Amino acid sequence: MNDNQTNPDMIVDYITGETVPNMGAEINRQQLERYLIEEKGYRREDILVDAPIQVEIDADIYRSTVDLVVQVDGRPLMAVKCAAGSLGSREREIVSAARLFAASPLPLAVVSDGRTATVLDTTTGKSMGKGLTAIPRREAAVELARTNPLPPVAPERIVREKLVFRSYDSMNVNVQRKDGASP
């Protein structure tokens, strides 16, 4: 018998197989993980769960995680925020995370509650589509990975992006923080 049958406060992560607390938007994340694998054709190894992110602000390091980062051939392409409530209230947070996650911004940012989604263009922050069907299939992501990376965020703007990310991320409640990440 697995842990999620003996302890209703724990569930098994669909991608990692690890037992995780069933709190906040975890059920929503599990629905989206299953959808990405079973409907969109991604492989488990394409998806980083709780991908670490850190930003330096005024010589202080703020550590957190991005719920999911979808990558193809080792290139991160899509940052995903799983939300339990309003998707619109999390759009700016995930766009900032997508701009900060790697040396070059990830092309796409997604916010989802497991039943619907908003796909955002990281460069503009504008919606590219609504609904789970707007999330690109793996085949489209392979093509996206072949294109040139986006240029880095301008230095004068990067400071603002870090502040935006930290401000929104620090308001997240009912999330498990790992590796000493501060809330």
N, C-alpha and C. Protein backbone atom coordinates (compact mmCIF):
# COMPACT_ATOMS: atom_id res chain seq x y z
N MET A 1 0.85 -1.18 0.00
CA MET A 1 0.00 0.00 0.00
C MET A 1 0.89 1.24 0.00
N ASN A 2 0.62 2.21 -0.88
CA ASN A 2 1.47 3.40 -0.91
C ASN A 2 0.99 4.45 0.08
N ASP A 3 1.84 5.45 0.31
CA ASP A 3 1.59 6.45 1.34
C ASP A 3 0.30 7.23 1.13
N ASN A 4 -0.07 7.47 -0.12
CA ASN A 4 -1.26 8.28 -0.32
C ASN A 4 -2.53 7.52 0.05
N GLN A 5 -2.46 6.22 0.22
CA GLN A 5 -3.62 5.47 0.67
C GLN A 5 -3.66 5.39 2.20
N THR A 6 -2.54 5.48 2.85
CA THR A 6 -2.51 5.40 4.31
C THR A 6 -2.53 6.77 4.96
N ASN A 7 -2.10 7.80 4.27
CA ASN A 7 -2.07 9.14 4.82
C ASN A 7 -2.68 10.10 3.79
N PRO A 8 -3.92 10.53 4.04
CA PRO A 8 -4.58 11.41 3.05
C PRO A 8 -3.90 12.78 2.91
N ASP A 9 -3.00 13.11 3.83
CA ASP A 9 -2.29 14.39 3.74
C ASP A 9 -1.07 14.30 2.84
N MET A 10 -0.81 13.12 2.28
CA MET A 10 0.34 12.90 1.40
C MET A 10 -0.16 12.27 0.10
N ILE A 11 0.48 12.62 -1.02
CA ILE A 11 0.19 11.99 -2.30
C ILE A 11 1.51 11.70 -3.01
N VAL A 12 1.45 10.83 -4.00
CA VAL A 12 2.64 10.48 -4.76
C VAL A 12 2.69 11.36 -6.01
N ASP A 13 3.80 12.06 -6.19
CA ASP A 13 3.96 12.93 -7.35
C ASP A 13 3.99 12.09 -8.61
N TYR A 14 3.19 12.48 -9.60
CA TYR A 14 3.06 11.73 -10.84
C TYR A 14 4.37 11.63 -11.61
N ILE A 15 5.19 12.66 -11.58
CA ILE A 15 6.43 12.66 -12.35
C ILE A 15 7.59 12.05 -11.58
N THR A 16 7.77 12.48 -10.34
CA THR A 16 8.95 12.03 -9.58
C THR A 16 8.75 10.73 -8.85
N GLY A 17 7.50 10.39 -8.54
CA GLY A 17 7.22 9.20 -7.75
C GLY A 17 7.46 9.41 -6.26
N GLU A 18 7.84 10.62 -5.87
CA GLU A 18 8.09 10.93 -4.45
C GLU A 18 6.77 11.25 -3.75
N THR A 19 6.72 10.94 -2.46
CA THR A 19 5.58 11.30 -1.65
C THR A 19 5.71 12.76 -1.26
N VAL A 20 4.64 13.52 -1.50
CA VAL A 20 4.66 14.96 -1.21
C VAL A 20 3.41 15.33 -0.42
N PRO A 21 3.49 16.41 0.37
CA PRO A 21 2.29 16.86 1.10
C PRO A 21 1.19 17.29 0.15
N ASN A 22 -0.02 16.90 0.47
CA ASN A 22 -1.18 17.28 -0.32
C ASN A 22 -1.72 18.59 0.25
N MET A 23 -1.06 19.68 -0.13
CA MET A 23 -1.45 20.99 0.38
C MET A 23 -1.41 22.02 -0.74
N GLY A 24 -2.15 23.10 -0.54
CA GLY A 24 -2.18 24.16 -1.55
C GLY A 24 -2.67 23.65 -2.89
N ALA A 25 -1.91 23.93 -3.91
CA ALA A 25 -2.29 23.59 -5.29
C ALA A 25 -1.72 22.24 -5.75
N GLU A 26 -1.32 21.39 -4.81
CA GLU A 26 -0.66 20.13 -5.20
C GLU A 26 -1.54 19.25 -6.08
N ILE A 27 -2.82 19.12 -5.75
CA ILE A 27 -3.73 18.32 -6.59
C ILE A 27 -3.78 18.90 -8.00
N ASN A 28 -3.81 20.23 -8.10
CA ASN A 28 -3.84 20.89 -9.41
C ASN A 28 -2.57 20.57 -10.19
N ARG A 29 -1.43 20.57 -9.48
CA ARG A 29 -0.16 20.26 -10.15
C ARG A 29 -0.18 18.82 -10.65
N GLN A 30 -0.70 17.91 -9.86
CA GLN A 30 -0.74 16.50 -10.28
C GLN A 30 -1.60 16.34 -11.53
N GLN A 31 -2.71 17.06 -11.59
CA GLN A 31 -3.57 17.00 -12.78
C GLN A 31 -2.81 17.51 -14.01
N LEU A 32 -2.08 18.61 -13.84
CA LEU A 32 -1.35 19.18 -14.96
C LEU A 32 -0.18 18.28 -15.37
N GLU A 33 0.53 17.72 -14.41
CA GLU A 33 1.63 16.80 -14.74
C GLU A 33 1.11 15.65 -15.59
N ARG A 34 0.01 15.05 -15.16
CA ARG A 34 -0.59 13.94 -15.90
C ARG A 34 -0.99 14.39 -17.31
N TYR A 35 -1.57 15.57 -17.42
CA TYR A 35 -1.99 16.10 -18.72
C TYR A 35 -0.79 16.30 -19.64
N LEU A 36 0.27 16.90 -19.12
CA LEU A 36 1.46 17.14 -19.93
C LEU A 36 2.04 15.84 -20.48
N ILE A 37 2.05 14.80 -19.67
CA ILE A 37 2.61 13.51 -20.09
C ILE A 37 1.64 12.77 -21.02
N GLU A 38 0.41 12.61 -20.57
CA GLU A 38 -0.54 11.75 -21.28
C GLU A 38 -1.19 12.41 -22.50
N GLU A 39 -1.39 13.72 -22.45
CA GLU A 39 -2.09 14.39 -23.55
C GLU A 39 -1.17 15.20 -24.46
N LYS A 40 -0.12 15.77 -23.89
CA LYS A 40 0.76 16.65 -24.68
C LYS A 40 2.04 15.96 -25.13
N GLY A 41 2.28 14.74 -24.70
CA GLY A 41 3.40 13.96 -25.22
C GLY A 41 4.75 14.24 -24.59
N TYR A 42 4.79 15.00 -23.49
CA TYR A 42 6.08 15.23 -22.84
C TYR A 42 6.51 13.97 -22.11
N ARG A 43 7.79 13.85 -21.89
CA ARG A 43 8.36 12.74 -21.14
C ARG A 43 8.61 13.20 -19.71
N ARG A 44 8.61 12.27 -18.80
CA ARG A 44 8.88 12.64 -17.41
C ARG A 44 10.20 13.41 -17.28
N GLU A 45 11.20 12.98 -18.02
CA GLU A 45 12.51 13.64 -17.92
C GLU A 45 12.52 15.04 -18.53
N ASP A 46 11.45 15.42 -19.25
CA ASP A 46 11.33 16.76 -19.80
C ASP A 46 10.87 17.78 -18.76
N ILE A 47 10.37 17.29 -17.64
CA ILE A 47 9.71 18.17 -16.68
C ILE A 47 10.45 18.17 -15.35
N LEU A 48 10.90 19.36 -14.96
CA LEU A 48 11.53 19.54 -13.65
C LEU A 48 10.44 19.95 -12.67
N VAL A 49 10.35 19.22 -11.57
CA VAL A 49 9.36 19.51 -10.54
C VAL A 49 10.06 20.29 -9.43
N ASP A 50 9.43 21.37 -8.99
CA ASP A 50 10.02 22.24 -7.97
C ASP A 50 11.44 22.66 -8.37
N ALA A 51 11.55 23.18 -9.57
CA ALA A 51 12.86 23.60 -10.09
C ALA A 51 13.38 24.77 -9.27
N PRO A 52 14.59 24.64 -8.71
CA PRO A 52 15.12 25.72 -7.88
C PRO A 52 15.40 26.99 -8.66
N ILE A 53 15.08 28.11 -8.03
CA ILE A 53 15.37 29.42 -8.59
C ILE A 53 15.87 30.28 -7.45
N GLN A 54 16.88 31.07 -7.74
CA GLN A 54 17.33 32.03 -6.74
C GLN A 54 17.66 33.34 -7.42
N VAL A 55 17.35 34.41 -6.70
CA VAL A 55 17.64 35.74 -7.21
C VAL A 55 18.36 36.52 -6.12
N GLU A 56 19.29 37.35 -6.55
CA GLU A 56 20.01 38.20 -5.62
C GLU A 56 19.43 39.61 -5.68
N ILE A 57 19.04 40.09 -4.50
CA ILE A 57 18.47 41.43 -4.39
C ILE A 57 19.21 42.14 -3.26
N ASP A 58 19.91 43.20 -3.59
CA ASP A 58 20.65 43.96 -2.58
C ASP A 58 21.54 43.06 -1.73
N ALA A 59 22.29 42.19 -2.36
CA ALA A 59 23.25 41.29 -1.72
C ALA A 59 22.60 40.18 -0.89
N ASP A 60 21.27 40.09 -0.89
CA ASP A 60 20.57 38.99 -0.23
C ASP A 60 20.12 38.00 -1.30
N ILE A 61 20.20 36.72 -0.96
CA ILE A 61 19.74 35.68 -1.89
C ILE A 61 18.34 35.24 -1.49
N TYR A 62 17.42 35.30 -2.42
CA TYR A 62 16.06 34.80 -2.22
C TYR A 62 15.95 33.49 -2.98
N ARG A 63 15.65 32.41 -2.26
CA ARG A 63 15.55 31.08 -2.87
C ARG A 63 14.10 30.62 -2.87
N SER A 64 13.71 30.01 -3.97
CA SER A 64 12.37 29.45 -4.09
C SER A 64 12.40 28.35 -5.13
N THR A 65 11.23 27.99 -5.62
CA THR A 65 11.11 26.99 -6.68
C THR A 65 10.05 27.44 -7.67
N VAL A 66 10.19 26.94 -8.88
CA VAL A 66 9.15 27.08 -9.90
C VAL A 66 8.44 25.74 -9.93
N ASP A 67 7.12 25.75 -9.87
CA ASP A 67 6.37 24.49 -9.76
C ASP A 67 6.82 23.46 -10.79
N LEU A 68 6.81 23.85 -12.05
CA LEU A 68 7.25 22.97 -13.13
C LEU A 68 8.04 23.78 -14.15
N VAL A 69 9.11 23.20 -14.66
CA VAL A 69 9.83 23.78 -15.79
C VAL A 69 9.90 22.69 -16.84
N VAL A 70 9.33 22.98 -18.00
CA VAL A 70 9.34 22.04 -19.11
C VAL A 70 10.54 22.36 -19.99
N GLN A 71 11.32 21.33 -20.27
CA GLN A 71 12.51 21.51 -21.11
C GLN A 71 12.53 20.42 -22.17
N VAL A 72 13.19 20.73 -23.27
CA VAL A 72 13.37 19.76 -24.34
C VAL A 72 14.84 19.82 -24.73
N ASP A 73 15.44 18.65 -24.81
CA ASP A 73 16.87 18.55 -25.14
C ASP A 73 17.72 19.42 -24.22
N GLY A 74 17.34 19.47 -22.95
CA GLY A 74 18.09 20.22 -21.96
C GLY A 74 17.87 21.72 -21.98
N ARG A 75 17.03 22.21 -22.89
CA ARG A 75 16.75 23.65 -22.95
C ARG A 75 15.41 23.96 -22.28
N PRO A 76 15.44 24.73 -21.17
CA PRO A 76 14.17 25.10 -20.53
C PRO A 76 13.35 26.01 -21.44
N LEU A 77 12.07 25.67 -21.62
CA LEU A 77 11.22 26.41 -22.55
C LEU A 77 9.97 27.01 -21.92
N MET A 78 9.52 26.40 -20.82
CA MET A 78 8.23 26.81 -20.28
C MET A 78 8.26 26.71 -18.75
N ALA A 79 7.97 27.83 -18.09
CA ALA A 79 7.83 27.85 -16.63
C ALA A 79 6.34 27.77 -16.32
N VAL A 80 5.99 26.95 -15.32
CA VAL A 80 4.58 26.72 -15.01
C VAL A 80 4.32 26.98 -13.53
N LYS A 81 3.28 27.76 -13.27
CA LYS A 81 2.79 28.00 -11.92
C LYS A 81 1.46 27.29 -11.78
N CYS A 82 1.35 26.42 -10.79
CA CYS A 82 0.08 25.75 -10.52
C CYS A 82 -0.61 26.50 -9.39
N ALA A 83 -1.82 26.93 -9.63
CA ALA A 83 -2.54 27.77 -8.68
C ALA A 83 -3.83 27.09 -8.24
N ALA A 84 -4.22 27.39 -7.02
CA ALA A 84 -5.48 26.85 -6.51
C ALA A 84 -6.62 27.84 -6.73
N GLY A 85 -6.29 29.10 -6.95
CA GLY A 85 -7.32 30.12 -7.11
C GLY A 85 -7.25 30.78 -8.47
N SER A 86 -7.40 32.08 -8.45
CA SER A 86 -7.43 32.88 -9.68
C SER A 86 -6.13 32.76 -10.46
N LEU A 87 -6.23 32.42 -11.72
CA LEU A 87 -5.04 32.31 -12.56
C LEU A 87 -4.47 33.69 -12.87
N GLY A 88 -5.33 34.66 -13.08
CA GLY A 88 -4.89 36.00 -13.43
C GLY A 88 -3.98 36.61 -12.38
N SER A 89 -4.21 36.27 -11.13
CA SER A 89 -3.40 36.84 -10.06
C SER A 89 -1.99 36.25 -10.00
N ARG A 90 -1.73 35.21 -10.76
CA ARG A 90 -0.41 34.57 -10.75
C ARG A 90 0.36 34.75 -12.06
N GLU A 91 -0.24 35.43 -13.02
CA GLU A 91 0.41 35.61 -14.33
C GLU A 91 1.72 36.38 -14.22
N ARG A 92 1.72 37.48 -13.50
CA ARG A 92 2.93 38.32 -13.42
C ARG A 92 4.06 37.57 -12.72
N GLU A 93 3.72 36.79 -11.70
CA GLU A 93 4.72 36.00 -10.98
C GLU A 93 5.42 35.01 -11.90
N ILE A 94 4.66 34.26 -12.70
CA ILE A 94 5.28 33.23 -13.52
C ILE A 94 6.02 33.84 -14.71
N VAL A 95 5.57 34.97 -15.21
CA VAL A 95 6.31 35.65 -16.28
C VAL A 95 7.68 36.09 -15.74
N SER A 96 7.70 36.65 -14.55
CA SER A 96 8.99 37.04 -13.94
C SER A 96 9.88 35.82 -13.73
N ALA A 97 9.31 34.74 -13.24
CA ALA A 97 10.11 33.51 -13.04
C ALA A 97 10.69 33.03 -14.36
N ALA A 98 9.89 33.08 -15.43
CA ALA A 98 10.37 32.64 -16.74
C ALA A 98 11.48 33.55 -17.26
N ARG A 99 11.44 34.81 -16.91
CA ARG A 99 12.47 35.75 -17.33
C ARG A 99 13.77 35.57 -16.53
N LEU A 100 13.66 35.05 -15.31
CA LEU A 100 14.81 34.96 -14.41
C LEU A 100 15.41 33.56 -14.29
N PHE A 101 14.70 32.54 -14.71
CA PHE A 101 15.09 31.16 -14.43
C PHE A 101 16.45 30.78 -14.99
N ALA A 102 16.76 31.23 -16.17
CA ALA A 102 18.01 30.87 -16.84
C ALA A 102 18.67 32.14 -17.38
N ALA A 103 19.86 31.98 -17.95
CA ALA A 103 20.58 33.12 -18.51
C ALA A 103 19.77 33.81 -19.60
N SER A 104 19.03 33.01 -20.36
CA SER A 104 18.15 33.52 -21.39
C SER A 104 16.71 33.24 -20.95
N PRO A 105 15.79 34.18 -21.08
CA PRO A 105 14.41 33.93 -20.66
C PRO A 105 13.80 32.72 -21.37
N LEU A 106 12.96 32.00 -20.65
CA LEU A 106 12.21 30.91 -21.26
C LEU A 106 11.15 31.54 -22.17
N PRO A 107 10.86 30.97 -23.31
CA PRO A 107 9.89 31.59 -24.22
C PRO A 107 8.46 31.67 -23.68
N LEU A 108 8.06 30.67 -22.88
CA LEU A 108 6.67 30.60 -22.44
C LEU A 108 6.54 30.54 -20.93
N ALA A 109 5.45 31.12 -20.44
CA ALA A 109 5.08 31.04 -19.03
C ALA A 109 3.62 30.57 -19.01
N VAL A 110 3.32 29.66 -18.09
CA VAL A 110 1.97 29.09 -18.02
C VAL A 110 1.50 29.13 -16.58
N VAL A 111 0.26 29.50 -16.40
CA VAL A 111 -0.38 29.38 -15.10
C VAL A 111 -1.59 28.48 -15.29
N SER A 112 -1.77 27.52 -14.35
CA SER A 112 -2.84 26.54 -14.52
C SER A 112 -3.39 26.10 -13.17
N ASP A 113 -4.66 25.75 -13.17
CA ASP A 113 -5.28 25.16 -11.99
C ASP A 113 -5.54 23.67 -12.21
N GLY A 114 -4.94 23.11 -13.24
CA GLY A 114 -5.11 21.69 -13.56
C GLY A 114 -6.30 21.42 -14.47
N ARG A 115 -7.23 22.36 -14.55
CA ARG A 115 -8.41 22.19 -15.41
C ARG A 115 -8.40 23.14 -16.59
N THR A 116 -7.73 24.28 -16.43
CA THR A 116 -7.58 25.26 -17.50
C THR A 116 -6.19 25.87 -17.36
N ALA A 117 -5.84 26.72 -18.29
CA ALA A 117 -4.51 27.33 -18.26
C ALA A 117 -4.52 28.62 -19.06
N THR A 118 -3.54 29.45 -18.77
CA THR A 118 -3.25 30.61 -19.58
C THR A 118 -1.79 30.50 -20.00
N VAL A 119 -1.53 30.56 -21.30
CA VAL A 119 -0.17 30.50 -21.83
C VAL A 119 0.23 31.93 -22.18
N LEU A 120 1.39 32.34 -21.66
CA LEU A 120 1.85 33.72 -21.83
C LEU A 120 3.17 33.77 -22.58
N ASP A 121 3.32 34.79 -23.40
CA ASP A 121 4.57 35.07 -24.08
C ASP A 121 5.47 35.77 -23.06
N THR A 122 6.61 35.19 -22.76
CA THR A 122 7.49 35.75 -21.73
C THR A 122 8.02 37.12 -22.12
N THR A 123 8.28 37.35 -23.38
CA THR A 123 8.82 38.64 -23.81
C THR A 123 7.84 39.78 -23.55
N THR A 124 6.58 39.58 -23.93
CA THR A 124 5.59 40.64 -23.82
C THR A 124 4.73 40.55 -22.56
N GLY A 125 4.63 39.34 -21.99
CA GLY A 125 3.74 39.13 -20.86
C GLY A 125 2.29 38.97 -21.27
N LYS A 126 2.04 38.98 -22.56
CA LYS A 126 0.66 38.90 -23.07
C LYS A 126 0.22 37.44 -23.25
N SER A 127 -1.09 37.24 -23.13
CA SER A 127 -1.67 35.92 -23.29
C SER A 127 -1.54 35.45 -24.74
N MET A 128 -1.12 34.20 -24.90
CA MET A 128 -1.04 33.59 -26.24
C MET A 128 -2.20 32.61 -26.45
N GLY A 129 -2.88 32.27 -25.35
CA GLY A 129 -3.98 31.34 -25.46
C GLY A 129 -4.50 30.94 -24.10
N LYS A 130 -5.73 30.47 -24.11
CA LYS A 130 -6.38 30.05 -22.86
C LYS A 130 -6.83 28.60 -23.02
N GLY A 131 -6.83 27.90 -21.90
CA GLY A 131 -7.25 26.51 -21.88
C GLY A 131 -6.06 25.58 -21.96
N LEU A 132 -6.23 24.36 -21.49
CA LEU A 132 -5.14 23.39 -21.53
C LEU A 132 -4.67 23.12 -22.95
N THR A 133 -5.59 23.22 -23.90
CA THR A 133 -5.20 22.96 -25.29
C THR A 133 -4.23 24.01 -25.83
N ALA A 134 -4.13 25.17 -25.18
CA ALA A 134 -3.19 26.21 -25.63
C ALA A 134 -1.74 25.86 -25.28
N ILE A 135 -1.54 24.93 -24.37
CA ILE A 135 -0.18 24.51 -24.03
C ILE A 135 0.36 23.72 -25.22
N PRO A 136 1.55 24.08 -25.70
CA PRO A 136 2.06 23.38 -26.89
C PRO A 136 2.38 21.91 -26.61
N ARG A 137 2.15 21.10 -27.61
CA ARG A 137 2.53 19.69 -27.55
C ARG A 137 4.04 19.59 -27.59
N ARG A 138 4.57 18.46 -27.22
CA ARG A 138 6.03 18.26 -27.19
C ARG A 138 6.64 18.51 -28.57
N GLU A 139 5.97 18.08 -29.63
CA GLU A 139 6.51 18.26 -30.98
C GLU A 139 6.75 19.74 -31.27
N ALA A 140 5.82 20.59 -30.87
CA ALA A 140 5.98 22.03 -31.07
C ALA A 140 7.11 22.57 -30.19
N ALA A 141 7.26 22.01 -28.99
CA ALA A 141 8.34 22.44 -28.10
C ALA A 141 9.70 22.06 -28.67
N VAL A 142 9.78 20.93 -29.35
CA VAL A 142 11.04 20.53 -30.00
C VAL A 142 11.43 21.59 -31.03
N GLU A 143 10.46 22.05 -31.81
CA GLU A 143 10.73 23.11 -32.79
C GLU A 143 11.14 24.41 -32.09
N LEU A 144 10.47 24.73 -31.01
CA LEU A 144 10.79 25.93 -30.25
C LEU A 144 12.22 25.86 -29.70
N ALA A 145 12.64 24.68 -29.28
CA ALA A 145 13.99 24.50 -28.74
C ALA A 145 15.05 24.71 -29.82
N ARG A 146 14.70 24.52 -31.07
CA ARG A 146 15.65 24.70 -32.18
C ARG A 146 15.86 26.16 -32.54
N THR A 147 14.94 27.02 -32.10
CA THR A 147 15.08 28.45 -32.42
C THR A 147 16.10 29.08 -31.50
N ASN A 148 16.57 30.24 -31.89
CA ASN A 148 17.55 30.95 -31.08
C ASN A 148 16.95 31.33 -29.74
N PRO A 149 17.75 31.29 -28.67
CA PRO A 149 17.23 31.72 -27.37
C PRO A 149 16.86 33.20 -27.39
N LEU A 150 15.96 33.56 -26.51
CA LEU A 150 15.60 34.97 -26.37
C LEU A 150 16.78 35.74 -25.81
N PRO A 151 16.91 37.01 -26.14
CA PRO A 151 18.00 37.80 -25.57
C PRO A 151 17.79 37.97 -24.07
N PRO A 152 18.87 38.13 -23.32
CA PRO A 152 18.74 38.32 -21.86
C PRO A 152 17.91 39.57 -21.56
N VAL A 153 17.31 39.55 -20.37
CA VAL A 153 16.55 40.71 -19.92
C VAL A 153 17.54 41.86 -19.70
N ALA A 154 17.15 43.05 -20.12
CA ALA A 154 18.01 44.24 -19.97
C ALA A 154 18.38 44.45 -18.50
N PRO A 155 19.63 44.79 -18.24
CA PRO A 155 20.10 44.96 -16.84
C PRO A 155 19.22 45.90 -16.01
N GLU A 156 18.77 46.99 -16.61
CA GLU A 156 17.94 47.93 -15.85
C GLU A 156 16.56 47.36 -15.52
N ARG A 157 16.15 46.35 -16.26
CA ARG A 157 14.85 45.73 -16.02
C ARG A 157 14.97 44.51 -15.11
N ILE A 158 16.11 43.88 -15.07
CA ILE A 158 16.29 42.65 -14.31
C ILE A 158 16.05 42.88 -12.82
N VAL A 159 16.46 44.03 -12.30
CA VAL A 159 16.25 44.35 -10.89
C VAL A 159 14.76 44.36 -10.57
N ARG A 160 13.99 44.99 -11.45
CA ARG A 160 12.53 45.04 -11.28
C ARG A 160 11.92 43.65 -11.32
N GLU A 161 12.37 42.82 -12.25
CA GLU A 161 11.83 41.46 -12.37
C GLU A 161 12.10 40.65 -11.09
N LYS A 162 13.27 40.82 -10.52
CA LYS A 162 13.60 40.11 -9.28
C LYS A 162 12.67 40.54 -8.15
N LEU A 163 12.43 41.84 -8.06
CA LEU A 163 11.54 42.34 -7.01
C LEU A 163 10.10 41.86 -7.21
N VAL A 164 9.66 41.86 -8.44
CA VAL A 164 8.30 41.38 -8.74
C VAL A 164 8.19 39.91 -8.37
N PHE A 165 9.16 39.09 -8.81
CA PHE A 165 9.10 37.66 -8.50
C PHE A 165 9.08 37.43 -7.00
N ARG A 166 10.00 38.04 -6.27
CA ARG A 166 10.06 37.84 -4.83
C ARG A 166 8.78 38.29 -4.15
N SER A 167 8.25 39.42 -4.56
CA SER A 167 7.03 39.95 -3.94
C SER A 167 5.86 38.99 -4.10
N TYR A 168 5.63 38.53 -5.32
CA TYR A 168 4.53 37.59 -5.55
C TYR A 168 4.81 36.24 -4.90
N ASP A 169 6.00 35.72 -5.10
CA ASP A 169 6.33 34.39 -4.60
C ASP A 169 6.26 34.33 -3.08
N SER A 170 6.68 35.38 -2.41
CA SER A 170 6.68 35.36 -0.95
C SER A 170 5.26 35.38 -0.38
N MET A 171 4.27 35.71 -1.19
CA MET A 171 2.88 35.69 -0.74
C MET A 171 2.24 34.31 -0.87
N ASN A 172 2.93 33.37 -1.51
CA ASN A 172 2.37 32.03 -1.65
C ASN A 172 2.23 31.39 -0.28
N VAL A 173 1.07 30.85 -0.02
CA VAL A 173 0.83 30.15 1.24
C VAL A 173 0.54 28.69 0.94
N ASN A 174 0.66 27.87 1.96
CA ASN A 174 0.40 26.43 1.81
C ASN A 174 1.28 25.81 0.75
N VAL A 175 2.56 26.17 0.76
CA VAL A 175 3.52 25.54 -0.14
C VAL A 175 4.64 24.97 0.71
N GLN A 176 5.18 23.89 0.24
CA GLN A 176 6.31 23.27 0.93
C GLN A 176 7.58 23.87 0.35
N ARG A 177 8.43 24.40 1.19
CA ARG A 177 9.71 24.94 0.76
C ARG A 177 10.78 23.91 1.04
N LYS A 178 11.69 23.73 0.09
CA LYS A 178 12.75 22.75 0.22
C LYS A 178 14.10 23.45 0.33
N ASP A 179 15.07 22.72 0.83
CA ASP A 179 16.46 23.17 0.82
C ASP A 179 16.66 24.55 1.42
N GLY A 180 15.92 24.83 2.50
CA GLY A 180 16.11 26.09 3.18
C GLY A 180 15.57 27.29 2.44
N ALA A 181 14.74 27.07 1.42
CA ALA A 181 14.18 28.20 0.68
C ALA A 181 13.33 29.02 1.62
N SER A 182 13.49 30.32 1.56
CA SER A 182 12.71 31.19 2.44
C SER A 182 11.38 31.48 1.82
N PRO A 183 10.31 31.59 2.62
CA PRO A 183 8.99 31.88 2.07
C PRO A 183 8.86 33.30 1.58
